[in-house]
Amino acid sequence: MKINYQSLEKKINLKFKNKDLLVQSLTHKSYNPINNNEKIEFLGDRVLGLVIAKKLLEIYPEEKEGILDKKFASLVNKKTCLDIAKKLNLASYVKTFNPYNKKIKIEDKIISDSCEALIGAIYLDKGFTNAEKTILNLWQDHIKKSVVTEIDAKTKLQELTLKNFKKLPTYKLISNTGPRHMPIFKVGVKLPFTKYFIASGKSKKEAEQNAAIECLKIINKK
């Protein structure tokens, strides 16, 4: 079955000068062990990372590095690339080994990798400015959603303790009471040279978070 690459070009609003580069970016190694998209995907991953990192610094100039890193990771991971690829229906353009020419489901990883390879091909064929424009257009909804990323209390406390004492906070399970279907965990956390700050929660993880919050409240007052 012949693949209509022109329809993909319309979706991304770009016309390739080198059509072979576009085809190669969507060719899996199982279909062609030599001229496939592995190296172009490697490049596309780096181009995507640069564009997203640059955009995050523009949007959040005052944000801490730790929060920027979390936003960045959520925007460039395989799950997000797969989501973009599905919106483009990229699976219908990807070439994989199919000896009987049957309709087969292509693995998510292959589709996600092809999305990065497509970005690499755009960069090679049209330059950085066009690659950046395409990425920001395709990723715009995900970038808008990145606003709500926060660092949890345990992570904040850990970063603070490592910075000031070069040690991790110490957590201790004090009690586990209540019925099995509705337990109450009581946990304490202490830093070097402090007492335990105690809090409760419906799970050990929740209790640890609450204890870290109590500890941070006292530290921030000082």
N, C-alpha and C. Protein backbone atom coordinates (compact mmCIF):
# COMPACT_ATOMS: atom_id res chain seq x y z
N MET A 1 0.84 -1.20 0.00
CA MET A 1 0.00 0.00 0.00
C MET A 1 0.88 1.25 0.00
N LYS A 2 0.61 2.17 -0.92
CA LYS A 2 1.40 3.39 -1.04
C LYS A 2 1.04 4.37 0.08
N ILE A 3 2.09 4.96 0.68
CA ILE A 3 1.88 5.90 1.77
C ILE A 3 1.83 7.33 1.22
N ASN A 4 0.80 8.06 1.61
CA ASN A 4 0.62 9.43 1.15
C ASN A 4 1.32 10.40 2.11
N TYR A 5 2.59 10.66 1.87
CA TYR A 5 3.37 11.54 2.75
C TYR A 5 2.94 13.00 2.61
N GLN A 6 2.32 13.35 1.49
CA GLN A 6 1.87 14.73 1.29
C GLN A 6 0.83 15.13 2.33
N SER A 7 0.00 14.16 2.73
CA SER A 7 -1.03 14.47 3.72
C SER A 7 -0.40 14.79 5.08
N LEU A 8 0.75 14.14 5.38
CA LEU A 8 1.47 14.45 6.63
C LEU A 8 2.09 15.84 6.54
N GLU A 9 2.65 16.17 5.37
CA GLU A 9 3.23 17.50 5.18
C GLU A 9 2.17 18.59 5.39
N LYS A 10 0.95 18.33 4.97
CA LYS A 10 -0.14 19.29 5.16
C LYS A 10 -0.46 19.45 6.65
N LYS A 11 -0.42 18.34 7.38
CA LYS A 11 -0.72 18.38 8.81
C LYS A 11 0.29 19.23 9.58
N ILE A 12 1.56 19.12 9.21
CA ILE A 12 2.61 19.87 9.92
C ILE A 12 2.93 21.20 9.22
N ASN A 13 2.22 21.46 8.10
CA ASN A 13 2.36 22.72 7.35
C ASN A 13 3.79 22.95 6.88
N LEU A 14 4.41 21.90 6.37
CA LEU A 14 5.77 21.97 5.84
C LEU A 14 5.90 21.12 4.58
N LYS A 15 6.65 21.60 3.62
CA LYS A 15 6.90 20.82 2.41
C LYS A 15 8.39 20.50 2.35
N PHE A 16 8.73 19.22 2.40
CA PHE A 16 10.13 18.79 2.40
C PHE A 16 10.79 18.99 1.04
N LYS A 17 12.01 19.52 1.06
CA LYS A 17 12.81 19.60 -0.17
C LYS A 17 13.34 18.21 -0.50
N ASN A 18 13.80 17.50 0.55
CA ASN A 18 14.35 16.15 0.40
C ASN A 18 13.31 15.13 0.88
N LYS A 19 12.51 14.61 -0.03
CA LYS A 19 11.44 13.67 0.33
C LYS A 19 12.02 12.38 0.92
N ASP A 20 13.21 11.99 0.46
CA ASP A 20 13.83 10.76 0.97
C ASP A 20 14.11 10.86 2.47
N LEU A 21 14.44 12.08 2.92
CA LEU A 21 14.71 12.31 4.34
C LEU A 21 13.44 12.12 5.17
N LEU A 22 12.33 12.58 4.65
CA LEU A 22 11.04 12.40 5.33
C LEU A 22 10.71 10.91 5.42
N VAL A 23 10.88 10.19 4.33
CA VAL A 23 10.59 8.75 4.31
C VAL A 23 11.49 8.01 5.28
N GLN A 24 12.78 8.35 5.29
CA GLN A 24 13.72 7.69 6.19
C GLN A 24 13.37 7.92 7.66
N SER A 25 12.89 9.12 7.98
CA SER A 25 12.55 9.44 9.37
C SER A 25 11.39 8.59 9.89
N LEU A 26 10.63 8.00 8.97
CA LEU A 26 9.47 7.19 9.35
C LEU A 26 9.67 5.72 8.99
N THR A 27 10.93 5.33 8.80
CA THR A 27 11.26 3.95 8.46
C THR A 27 11.95 3.26 9.63
N HIS A 28 11.34 2.21 10.14
CA HIS A 28 11.90 1.47 11.28
C HIS A 28 12.99 0.51 10.81
N LYS A 29 13.91 0.18 11.70
CA LYS A 29 15.03 -0.69 11.34
C LYS A 29 14.58 -2.10 10.93
N SER A 30 13.41 -2.52 11.36
CA SER A 30 12.90 -3.84 10.96
C SER A 30 12.55 -3.87 9.47
N TYR A 31 12.24 -2.71 8.91
CA TYR A 31 11.91 -2.60 7.49
C TYR A 31 13.16 -2.41 6.64
N ASN A 32 14.09 -1.60 7.15
CA ASN A 32 15.34 -1.35 6.44
C ASN A 32 16.48 -1.22 7.46
N PRO A 33 17.30 -2.25 7.61
CA PRO A 33 18.37 -2.24 8.62
C PRO A 33 19.43 -1.18 8.39
N ILE A 34 19.51 -0.62 7.19
CA ILE A 34 20.56 0.37 6.87
C ILE A 34 20.01 1.80 6.86
N ASN A 35 19.04 2.05 5.98
CA ASN A 35 18.47 3.40 5.88
C ASN A 35 17.19 3.51 6.72
N ASN A 36 17.39 3.63 8.01
CA ASN A 36 16.25 3.75 8.93
C ASN A 36 16.35 5.04 9.75
N ASN A 37 15.45 5.17 10.71
CA ASN A 37 15.34 6.46 11.42
C ASN A 37 16.08 6.54 12.76
N GLU A 38 16.90 5.55 13.10
CA GLU A 38 17.55 5.53 14.43
C GLU A 38 18.40 6.78 14.68
N LYS A 39 19.28 7.11 13.75
CA LYS A 39 20.17 8.26 13.95
C LYS A 39 19.42 9.59 13.87
N ILE A 40 18.42 9.65 13.01
CA ILE A 40 17.63 10.88 12.90
C ILE A 40 16.81 11.08 14.17
N GLU A 41 16.35 9.98 14.76
CA GLU A 41 15.63 10.07 16.04
C GLU A 41 16.54 10.61 17.13
N PHE A 42 17.79 10.15 17.15
CA PHE A 42 18.79 10.63 18.12
C PHE A 42 18.93 12.15 18.01
N LEU A 43 18.98 12.66 16.80
CA LEU A 43 19.10 14.10 16.57
C LEU A 43 17.81 14.82 16.98
N GLY A 44 16.67 14.25 16.57
CA GLY A 44 15.38 14.87 16.88
C GLY A 44 15.13 15.02 18.36
N ASP A 45 15.57 14.03 19.14
CA ASP A 45 15.43 14.08 20.59
C ASP A 45 16.16 15.30 21.15
N ARG A 46 17.35 15.59 20.62
CA ARG A 46 18.15 16.74 21.09
C ARG A 46 17.54 18.06 20.64
N VAL A 47 17.03 18.10 19.43
CA VAL A 47 16.39 19.32 18.93
C VAL A 47 15.15 19.63 19.76
N LEU A 48 14.34 18.61 20.01
CA LEU A 48 13.14 18.78 20.84
C LEU A 48 13.51 19.30 22.22
N GLY A 49 14.54 18.71 22.83
CA GLY A 49 14.97 19.14 24.17
C GLY A 49 15.40 20.59 24.20
N LEU A 50 16.16 21.01 23.19
CA LEU A 50 16.64 22.40 23.12
C LEU A 50 15.47 23.37 22.97
N VAL A 51 14.54 23.06 22.09
CA VAL A 51 13.39 23.94 21.85
C VAL A 51 12.53 24.08 23.10
N ILE A 52 12.24 22.95 23.75
CA ILE A 52 11.39 22.98 24.95
C ILE A 52 12.10 23.69 26.10
N ALA A 53 13.38 23.43 26.31
CA ALA A 53 14.14 24.09 27.38
C ALA A 53 14.15 25.60 27.15
N LYS A 54 14.38 26.02 25.93
CA LYS A 54 14.40 27.45 25.57
C LYS A 54 13.05 28.09 25.85
N LYS A 55 11.98 27.40 25.48
CA LYS A 55 10.63 27.94 25.68
C LYS A 55 10.28 28.06 27.16
N LEU A 56 10.66 27.06 27.95
CA LEU A 56 10.37 27.10 29.38
C LEU A 56 11.08 28.26 30.06
N LEU A 57 12.31 28.55 29.66
CA LEU A 57 13.04 29.68 30.22
C LEU A 57 12.38 31.01 29.85
N GLU A 58 11.79 31.06 28.66
CA GLU A 58 11.08 32.27 28.23
C GLU A 58 9.79 32.47 29.03
N ILE A 59 9.07 31.36 29.27
CA ILE A 59 7.78 31.45 29.97
C ILE A 59 7.96 31.65 31.47
N TYR A 60 8.96 30.97 32.05
CA TYR A 60 9.16 30.99 33.50
C TYR A 60 10.56 31.51 33.86
N PRO A 61 10.86 32.77 33.60
CA PRO A 61 12.21 33.30 33.86
C PRO A 61 12.59 33.31 35.34
N GLU A 62 11.60 33.33 36.23
CA GLU A 62 11.88 33.40 37.68
C GLU A 62 11.77 32.04 38.36
N GLU A 63 11.43 30.99 37.61
CA GLU A 63 11.19 29.68 38.22
C GLU A 63 12.49 29.00 38.63
N LYS A 64 12.41 28.19 39.69
CA LYS A 64 13.59 27.45 40.16
C LYS A 64 13.93 26.31 39.20
N GLU A 65 15.23 25.95 39.18
CA GLU A 65 15.71 24.92 38.25
C GLU A 65 15.01 23.58 38.47
N GLY A 66 14.74 23.23 39.74
CA GLY A 66 14.10 21.95 40.05
C GLY A 66 12.72 21.83 39.43
N ILE A 67 11.94 22.90 39.48
CA ILE A 67 10.59 22.90 38.91
C ILE A 67 10.67 22.90 37.38
N LEU A 68 11.61 23.68 36.83
CA LEU A 68 11.79 23.69 35.37
C LEU A 68 12.14 22.29 34.86
N ASP A 69 12.98 21.59 35.62
CA ASP A 69 13.40 20.25 35.24
C ASP A 69 12.21 19.29 35.19
N LYS A 70 11.30 19.42 36.15
CA LYS A 70 10.11 18.57 36.17
C LYS A 70 9.19 18.88 34.99
N LYS A 71 9.01 20.15 34.70
CA LYS A 71 8.19 20.55 33.56
C LYS A 71 8.80 20.02 32.26
N PHE A 72 10.11 20.18 32.14
CA PHE A 72 10.84 19.73 30.95
C PHE A 72 10.65 18.22 30.73
N ALA A 73 10.85 17.45 31.82
CA ALA A 73 10.75 15.99 31.72
C ALA A 73 9.36 15.55 31.26
N SER A 74 8.33 16.24 31.73
CA SER A 74 6.96 15.86 31.34
C SER A 74 6.65 16.21 29.89
N LEU A 75 7.38 17.18 29.33
CA LEU A 75 7.11 17.63 27.97
C LEU A 75 7.88 16.86 26.90
N VAL A 76 9.01 16.26 27.27
CA VAL A 76 9.83 15.59 26.25
C VAL A 76 9.82 14.06 26.39
N ASN A 77 9.08 13.54 27.37
CA ASN A 77 9.10 12.09 27.56
C ASN A 77 8.36 11.34 26.45
N LYS A 78 8.52 10.02 26.43
CA LYS A 78 7.95 9.18 25.38
C LYS A 78 6.42 9.24 25.35
N LYS A 79 5.81 9.43 26.51
CA LYS A 79 4.35 9.48 26.59
C LYS A 79 3.81 10.69 25.83
N THR A 80 4.46 11.84 26.02
CA THR A 80 4.03 13.06 25.34
C THR A 80 4.29 12.96 23.84
N CYS A 81 5.45 12.42 23.46
CA CYS A 81 5.76 12.24 22.04
C CYS A 81 4.75 11.32 21.38
N LEU A 82 4.32 10.29 22.11
CA LEU A 82 3.32 9.36 21.58
C LEU A 82 1.99 10.08 21.38
N ASP A 83 1.63 10.93 22.32
CA ASP A 83 0.38 11.69 22.21
C ASP A 83 0.40 12.59 20.97
N ILE A 84 1.52 13.26 20.75
CA ILE A 84 1.67 14.12 19.56
C ILE A 84 1.58 13.26 18.29
N ALA A 85 2.26 12.11 18.31
CA ALA A 85 2.28 11.21 17.15
C ALA A 85 0.87 10.71 16.82
N LYS A 86 0.08 10.42 17.85
CA LYS A 86 -1.29 9.94 17.63
C LYS A 86 -2.16 11.02 17.02
N LYS A 87 -1.95 12.27 17.43
CA LYS A 87 -2.72 13.37 16.86
C LYS A 87 -2.41 13.54 15.37
N LEU A 88 -1.17 13.20 14.98
CA LEU A 88 -0.77 13.27 13.58
C LEU A 88 -1.11 11.98 12.82
N ASN A 89 -1.61 10.98 13.58
CA ASN A 89 -1.85 9.64 13.01
C ASN A 89 -0.57 9.11 12.36
N LEU A 90 0.55 9.27 13.07
CA LEU A 90 1.87 8.94 12.52
C LEU A 90 2.01 7.46 12.19
N ALA A 91 1.27 6.62 12.91
CA ALA A 91 1.36 5.17 12.67
C ALA A 91 1.03 4.79 11.23
N SER A 92 0.19 5.58 10.58
CA SER A 92 -0.20 5.27 9.19
C SER A 92 0.90 5.61 8.18
N TYR A 93 1.94 6.30 8.66
CA TYR A 93 3.04 6.68 7.76
C TYR A 93 4.33 5.90 8.05
N VAL A 94 4.35 5.17 9.18
CA VAL A 94 5.57 4.46 9.60
C VAL A 94 5.71 3.14 8.86
N LYS A 95 6.92 2.86 8.38
CA LYS A 95 7.22 1.60 7.69
C LYS A 95 7.89 0.63 8.67
N THR A 96 7.27 -0.54 8.85
CA THR A 96 7.87 -1.60 9.65
C THR A 96 7.82 -2.90 8.85
N PHE A 97 8.55 -3.90 9.28
CA PHE A 97 8.58 -5.19 8.58
C PHE A 97 7.20 -5.85 8.65
N ASN A 98 6.64 -6.10 7.48
CA ASN A 98 5.30 -6.67 7.39
C ASN A 98 5.22 -7.55 6.15
N PRO A 99 5.79 -8.78 6.21
CA PRO A 99 5.94 -9.64 5.02
C PRO A 99 4.63 -10.02 4.34
N TYR A 100 3.55 -10.06 5.10
CA TYR A 100 2.28 -10.48 4.51
C TYR A 100 1.35 -9.29 4.20
N ASN A 101 1.90 -8.08 4.39
CA ASN A 101 1.17 -6.85 4.08
C ASN A 101 -0.20 -6.79 4.75
N LYS A 102 -0.22 -7.25 6.00
CA LYS A 102 -1.46 -7.23 6.77
C LYS A 102 -1.54 -5.94 7.60
N LYS A 103 -2.73 -5.64 8.05
CA LYS A 103 -2.90 -4.49 8.92
C LYS A 103 -2.48 -4.90 10.33
N ILE A 104 -1.37 -4.32 10.82
CA ILE A 104 -0.86 -4.68 12.13
C ILE A 104 -0.76 -3.45 13.02
N LYS A 105 -0.81 -3.69 14.32
CA LYS A 105 -0.66 -2.58 15.28
C LYS A 105 0.83 -2.35 15.53
N ILE A 106 1.27 -1.14 15.29
CA ILE A 106 2.68 -0.80 15.51
C ILE A 106 2.88 -0.44 16.98
N GLU A 107 3.96 -0.91 17.56
CA GLU A 107 4.25 -0.65 18.98
C GLU A 107 4.32 0.84 19.27
N ASP A 108 3.86 1.21 20.48
CA ASP A 108 3.86 2.62 20.88
C ASP A 108 5.26 3.23 20.85
N LYS A 109 6.27 2.45 21.26
CA LYS A 109 7.64 2.97 21.29
C LYS A 109 8.12 3.34 19.88
N ILE A 110 7.78 2.53 18.91
CA ILE A 110 8.17 2.80 17.53
C ILE A 110 7.52 4.09 17.03
N ILE A 111 6.26 4.28 17.38
CA ILE A 111 5.53 5.49 16.97
C ILE A 111 6.12 6.72 17.65
N SER A 112 6.39 6.60 18.95
CA SER A 112 6.98 7.70 19.71
C SER A 112 8.35 8.08 19.18
N ASP A 113 9.19 7.07 18.91
CA ASP A 113 10.52 7.31 18.36
C ASP A 113 10.43 7.98 16.98
N SER A 114 9.44 7.59 16.19
CA SER A 114 9.26 8.17 14.86
C SER A 114 8.89 9.64 14.94
N CYS A 115 8.20 10.02 16.00
CA CYS A 115 7.85 11.43 16.20
C CYS A 115 9.13 12.25 16.38
N GLU A 116 10.06 11.74 17.19
CA GLU A 116 11.34 12.42 17.39
C GLU A 116 12.17 12.43 16.10
N ALA A 117 12.10 11.34 15.36
CA ALA A 117 12.84 11.26 14.09
C ALA A 117 12.29 12.27 13.08
N LEU A 118 10.98 12.45 13.08
CA LEU A 118 10.36 13.43 12.19
C LEU A 118 10.89 14.83 12.50
N ILE A 119 11.02 15.12 13.79
CA ILE A 119 11.58 16.43 14.21
C ILE A 119 13.02 16.57 13.70
N GLY A 120 13.79 15.50 13.83
CA GLY A 120 15.17 15.51 13.33
C GLY A 120 15.23 15.76 11.83
N ALA A 121 14.31 15.16 11.11
CA ALA A 121 14.26 15.34 9.65
C ALA A 121 13.88 16.77 9.28
N ILE A 122 12.94 17.34 10.03
CA ILE A 122 12.54 18.74 9.78
C ILE A 122 13.74 19.67 9.99
N TYR A 123 14.50 19.41 11.06
CA TYR A 123 15.69 20.22 11.34
C TYR A 123 16.71 20.12 10.21
N LEU A 124 16.96 18.90 9.74
CA LEU A 124 17.95 18.70 8.67
C LEU A 124 17.51 19.31 7.35
N ASP A 125 16.22 19.25 7.08
CA ASP A 125 15.71 19.70 5.78
C ASP A 125 15.36 21.19 5.76
N LYS A 126 14.81 21.70 6.89
CA LYS A 126 14.28 23.06 6.91
C LYS A 126 14.99 24.00 7.88
N GLY A 127 15.92 23.48 8.70
CA GLY A 127 16.65 24.34 9.63
C GLY A 127 15.99 24.46 10.99
N PHE A 128 16.71 25.08 11.93
CA PHE A 128 16.25 25.15 13.32
C PHE A 128 14.97 25.98 13.48
N THR A 129 14.88 27.11 12.80
CA THR A 129 13.73 27.99 12.97
C THR A 129 12.42 27.28 12.62
N ASN A 130 12.40 26.55 11.52
CA ASN A 130 11.20 25.80 11.13
C ASN A 130 10.91 24.64 12.08
N ALA A 131 11.98 23.98 12.55
CA ALA A 131 11.80 22.88 13.51
C ALA A 131 11.21 23.43 14.80
N GLU A 132 11.72 24.56 15.26
CA GLU A 132 11.21 25.19 16.48
C GLU A 132 9.75 25.58 16.33
N LYS A 133 9.42 26.18 15.21
CA LYS A 133 8.03 26.59 14.96
C LYS A 133 7.08 25.40 14.96
N THR A 134 7.50 24.31 14.32
CA THR A 134 6.67 23.09 14.26
C THR A 134 6.48 22.48 15.64
N ILE A 135 7.56 22.38 16.40
CA ILE A 135 7.48 21.80 17.74
C ILE A 135 6.55 22.61 18.64
N LEU A 136 6.72 23.92 18.65
CA LEU A 136 5.90 24.77 19.52
C LEU A 136 4.43 24.72 19.13
N ASN A 137 4.16 24.55 17.84
CA ASN A 137 2.78 24.42 17.37
C ASN A 137 2.17 23.09 17.82
N LEU A 138 2.93 22.01 17.66
CA LEU A 138 2.43 20.68 18.03
C LEU A 138 2.33 20.51 19.55
N TRP A 139 3.23 21.14 20.29
CA TRP A 139 3.31 20.97 21.74
C TRP A 139 2.55 22.04 22.53
N GLN A 140 1.87 22.96 21.87
CA GLN A 140 1.32 24.12 22.56
C GLN A 140 0.36 23.75 23.70
N ASP A 141 -0.51 22.75 23.50
CA ASP A 141 -1.45 22.36 24.56
C ASP A 141 -0.71 21.77 25.77
N HIS A 142 0.31 20.98 25.50
CA HIS A 142 1.08 20.38 26.60
C HIS A 142 1.88 21.44 27.35
N ILE A 143 2.39 22.43 26.65
CA ILE A 143 3.14 23.51 27.29
C ILE A 143 2.22 24.31 28.22
N LYS A 144 0.99 24.55 27.77
CA LYS A 144 0.02 25.28 28.60
C LYS A 144 -0.28 24.51 29.89
N LYS A 145 -0.37 23.18 29.80
CA LYS A 145 -0.67 22.35 30.96
C LYS A 145 0.49 22.30 31.95
N SER A 146 1.70 22.64 31.52
CA SER A 146 2.88 22.54 32.38
C SER A 146 2.87 23.55 33.51
N VAL A 147 1.94 24.49 33.48
CA VAL A 147 1.88 25.55 34.49
C VAL A 147 1.70 25.00 35.90
N VAL A 148 1.01 23.88 36.06
CA VAL A 148 0.62 23.41 37.39
C VAL A 148 1.64 22.52 38.09
N THR A 149 2.79 22.26 37.48
CA THR A 149 3.78 21.36 38.09
C THR A 149 4.34 21.96 39.38
N GLU A 150 4.37 21.22 40.44
CA GLU A 150 4.90 21.68 41.72
C GLU A 150 5.85 20.63 42.31
N ILE A 151 6.75 21.08 43.17
CA ILE A 151 7.63 20.16 43.89
C ILE A 151 6.96 19.83 45.22
N ASP A 152 6.86 18.55 45.57
CA ASP A 152 6.19 18.15 46.80
C ASP A 152 7.04 18.47 48.02
N ALA A 153 6.40 18.43 49.21
CA ALA A 153 7.06 18.83 50.46
C ALA A 153 8.27 17.97 50.79
N LYS A 154 8.18 16.66 50.56
CA LYS A 154 9.32 15.76 50.84
C LYS A 154 10.54 16.13 50.01
N THR A 155 10.31 16.44 48.74
CA THR A 155 11.42 16.82 47.86
C THR A 155 12.03 18.13 48.30
N LYS A 156 11.17 19.11 48.65
CA LYS A 156 11.67 20.41 49.12
C LYS A 156 12.51 20.25 50.38
N LEU A 157 12.01 19.42 51.32
CA LEU A 157 12.73 19.22 52.58
C LEU A 157 14.06 18.50 52.33
N GLN A 158 14.05 17.54 51.41
CA GLN A 158 15.27 16.81 51.09
C GLN A 158 16.33 17.74 50.48
N GLU A 159 15.90 18.60 49.56
CA GLU A 159 16.83 19.53 48.93
C GLU A 159 17.42 20.49 49.95
N LEU A 160 16.57 20.97 50.85
CA LEU A 160 17.02 21.91 51.89
C LEU A 160 18.02 21.26 52.84
N THR A 161 17.72 20.02 53.26
CA THR A 161 18.58 19.31 54.21
C THR A 161 19.94 18.97 53.59
N LEU A 162 19.91 18.52 52.34
CA LEU A 162 21.18 18.22 51.66
C LEU A 162 22.04 19.47 51.50
N LYS A 163 21.39 20.59 51.22
CA LYS A 163 22.11 21.85 51.03
C LYS A 163 22.75 22.33 52.33
N ASN A 164 22.01 22.22 53.44
CA ASN A 164 22.49 22.78 54.71
C ASN A 164 23.29 21.81 55.57
N PHE A 165 22.96 20.51 55.49
CA PHE A 165 23.60 19.53 56.39
C PHE A 165 24.34 18.41 55.66
N LYS A 166 24.18 18.35 54.31
CA LYS A 166 24.79 17.28 53.51
C LYS A 166 24.28 15.89 53.94
N LYS A 167 23.07 15.86 54.49
CA LYS A 167 22.44 14.62 54.92
C LYS A 167 20.97 14.63 54.54
N LEU A 168 20.35 13.44 54.49
CA LEU A 168 18.93 13.32 54.18
C LEU A 168 18.10 13.42 55.46
N PRO A 169 16.83 13.87 55.36
CA PRO A 169 15.94 13.84 56.53
C PRO A 169 15.72 12.39 56.98
N THR A 170 15.46 12.19 58.26
CA THR A 170 15.20 10.85 58.80
C THR A 170 13.71 10.70 59.09
N TYR A 171 13.07 9.70 58.47
CA TYR A 171 11.65 9.44 58.70
C TYR A 171 11.49 8.20 59.58
N LYS A 172 10.50 8.25 60.47
CA LYS A 172 10.27 7.15 61.40
C LYS A 172 8.77 6.89 61.53
N LEU A 173 8.36 5.63 61.33
CA LEU A 173 6.96 5.25 61.52
C LEU A 173 6.71 5.11 63.01
N ILE A 174 5.83 5.92 63.55
CA ILE A 174 5.56 5.92 64.99
C ILE A 174 4.42 4.97 65.34
N SER A 175 3.37 4.98 64.53
CA SER A 175 2.26 4.06 64.81
C SER A 175 1.42 3.83 63.56
N ASN A 176 0.68 2.71 63.58
CA ASN A 176 -0.25 2.35 62.51
C ASN A 176 -1.50 1.82 63.19
N THR A 177 -2.52 2.66 63.31
CA THR A 177 -3.72 2.30 64.04
C THR A 177 -4.94 2.32 63.14
N GLY A 178 -6.09 1.95 63.70
CA GLY A 178 -7.34 1.96 62.95
C GLY A 178 -7.57 0.63 62.24
N PRO A 179 -8.80 0.43 61.71
CA PRO A 179 -9.13 -0.81 60.99
C PRO A 179 -8.34 -0.91 59.69
N ARG A 180 -8.24 -2.14 59.16
CA ARG A 180 -7.44 -2.39 57.96
C ARG A 180 -7.93 -1.57 56.77
N HIS A 181 -9.25 -1.39 56.67
CA HIS A 181 -9.80 -0.67 55.52
C HIS A 181 -9.70 0.85 55.68
N MET A 182 -9.34 1.31 56.90
CA MET A 182 -9.22 2.75 57.13
C MET A 182 -8.10 3.03 58.14
N PRO A 183 -6.85 2.71 57.77
CA PRO A 183 -5.74 2.87 58.72
C PRO A 183 -5.33 4.33 58.89
N ILE A 184 -4.69 4.59 60.03
CA ILE A 184 -4.11 5.91 60.28
C ILE A 184 -2.64 5.72 60.61
N PHE A 185 -1.80 6.30 59.78
CA PHE A 185 -0.35 6.21 59.99
C PHE A 185 0.15 7.49 60.64
N LYS A 186 1.02 7.33 61.64
CA LYS A 186 1.65 8.48 62.27
C LYS A 186 3.15 8.37 62.03
N VAL A 187 3.71 9.41 61.43
CA VAL A 187 5.12 9.41 61.03
C VAL A 187 5.82 10.65 61.56
N GLY A 188 7.08 10.48 61.92
CA GLY A 188 7.89 11.61 62.36
C GLY A 188 9.06 11.82 61.40
N VAL A 189 9.47 13.06 61.25
CA VAL A 189 10.65 13.36 60.44
C VAL A 189 11.55 14.30 61.24
N LYS A 190 12.85 14.06 61.18
CA LYS A 190 13.78 14.95 61.87
C LYS A 190 14.97 15.26 60.99
N LEU A 191 15.53 16.42 61.21
CA LEU A 191 16.76 16.83 60.56
C LEU A 191 17.89 16.71 61.57
N PRO A 192 19.13 16.79 61.15
CA PRO A 192 20.23 16.78 62.12
C PRO A 192 20.03 17.92 63.13
N PHE A 193 20.12 17.61 64.39
CA PHE A 193 20.01 18.58 65.50
C PHE A 193 18.60 19.11 65.72
N THR A 194 17.56 18.38 65.26
CA THR A 194 16.19 18.81 65.56
C THR A 194 15.43 17.64 66.19
N LYS A 195 14.30 17.95 66.78
CA LYS A 195 13.39 16.93 67.29
C LYS A 195 12.59 16.37 66.10
N TYR A 196 11.75 15.34 66.38
CA TYR A 196 10.87 14.80 65.34
C TYR A 196 9.65 15.70 65.16
N PHE A 197 9.30 15.96 63.91
CA PHE A 197 8.06 16.67 63.59
C PHE A 197 7.07 15.59 63.16
N ILE A 198 5.94 15.52 63.86
CA ILE A 198 5.03 14.38 63.69
C ILE A 198 3.73 14.80 63.00
N ALA A 199 3.23 13.92 62.12
CA ALA A 199 1.97 14.14 61.43
C ALA A 199 1.34 12.80 61.07
N SER A 200 0.05 12.84 60.72
CA SER A 200 -0.69 11.61 60.40
C SER A 200 -1.19 11.64 58.97
N GLY A 201 -1.58 10.46 58.47
CA GLY A 201 -2.14 10.36 57.13
C GLY A 201 -2.80 9.01 56.92
N LYS A 202 -3.57 8.89 55.83
CA LYS A 202 -4.28 7.64 55.54
C LYS A 202 -3.34 6.57 54.97
N SER A 203 -2.14 6.98 54.60
CA SER A 203 -1.10 6.06 54.14
C SER A 203 0.22 6.54 54.70
N LYS A 204 1.22 5.66 54.66
CA LYS A 204 2.54 6.05 55.16
C LYS A 204 3.10 7.20 54.32
N LYS A 205 2.89 7.12 53.01
CA LYS A 205 3.38 8.16 52.10
C LYS A 205 2.74 9.51 52.41
N GLU A 206 1.44 9.51 52.65
CA GLU A 206 0.73 10.75 52.96
C GLU A 206 1.19 11.32 54.29
N ALA A 207 1.41 10.43 55.27
CA ALA A 207 1.89 10.87 56.59
C ALA A 207 3.28 11.49 56.50
N GLU A 208 4.14 10.92 55.65
CA GLU A 208 5.49 11.46 55.46
C GLU A 208 5.42 12.85 54.83
N GLN A 209 4.52 13.02 53.85
CA GLN A 209 4.34 14.32 53.22
C GLN A 209 3.87 15.36 54.25
N ASN A 210 2.90 14.96 55.07
CA ASN A 210 2.36 15.88 56.08
C ASN A 210 3.40 16.23 57.13
N ALA A 211 4.25 15.27 57.49
CA ALA A 211 5.31 15.54 58.45
C ALA A 211 6.34 16.51 57.85
N ALA A 212 6.64 16.33 56.58
CA ALA A 212 7.57 17.24 55.89
C ALA A 212 7.00 18.65 55.83
N ILE A 213 5.67 18.76 55.61
CA ILE A 213 5.01 20.07 55.60
C ILE A 213 5.15 20.77 56.95
N GLU A 214 4.92 20.00 58.04
CA GLU A 214 5.04 20.57 59.39
C GLU A 214 6.47 21.03 59.66
N CYS A 215 7.43 20.25 59.23
CA CYS A 215 8.84 20.60 59.41
C CYS A 215 9.20 21.88 58.65
N LEU A 216 8.71 21.97 57.40
CA LEU A 216 9.00 23.15 56.57
C LEU A 216 8.36 24.41 57.15
N LYS A 217 7.20 24.27 57.77
CA LYS A 217 6.52 25.43 58.38
C LYS A 217 7.41 26.06 59.45
N ILE A 218 8.00 25.21 60.29
CA ILE A 218 8.85 25.71 61.38
C ILE A 218 10.14 26.31 60.81
N ILE A 219 10.73 25.62 59.84
CA ILE A 219 12.00 26.10 59.24
C ILE A 219 11.79 27.44 58.56
N ASN A 220 10.69 27.61 57.85
CA ASN A 220 10.43 28.84 57.11
C ASN A 220 10.13 30.03 58.01
N LYS A 221 9.73 29.75 59.26
CA LYS A 221 9.48 30.83 60.21
C LYS A 221 10.76 31.44 60.76
N LYS A 222 11.84 30.61 60.71
CA LYS A 222 13.11 31.05 61.31
C LYS A 222 13.87 32.00 60.37
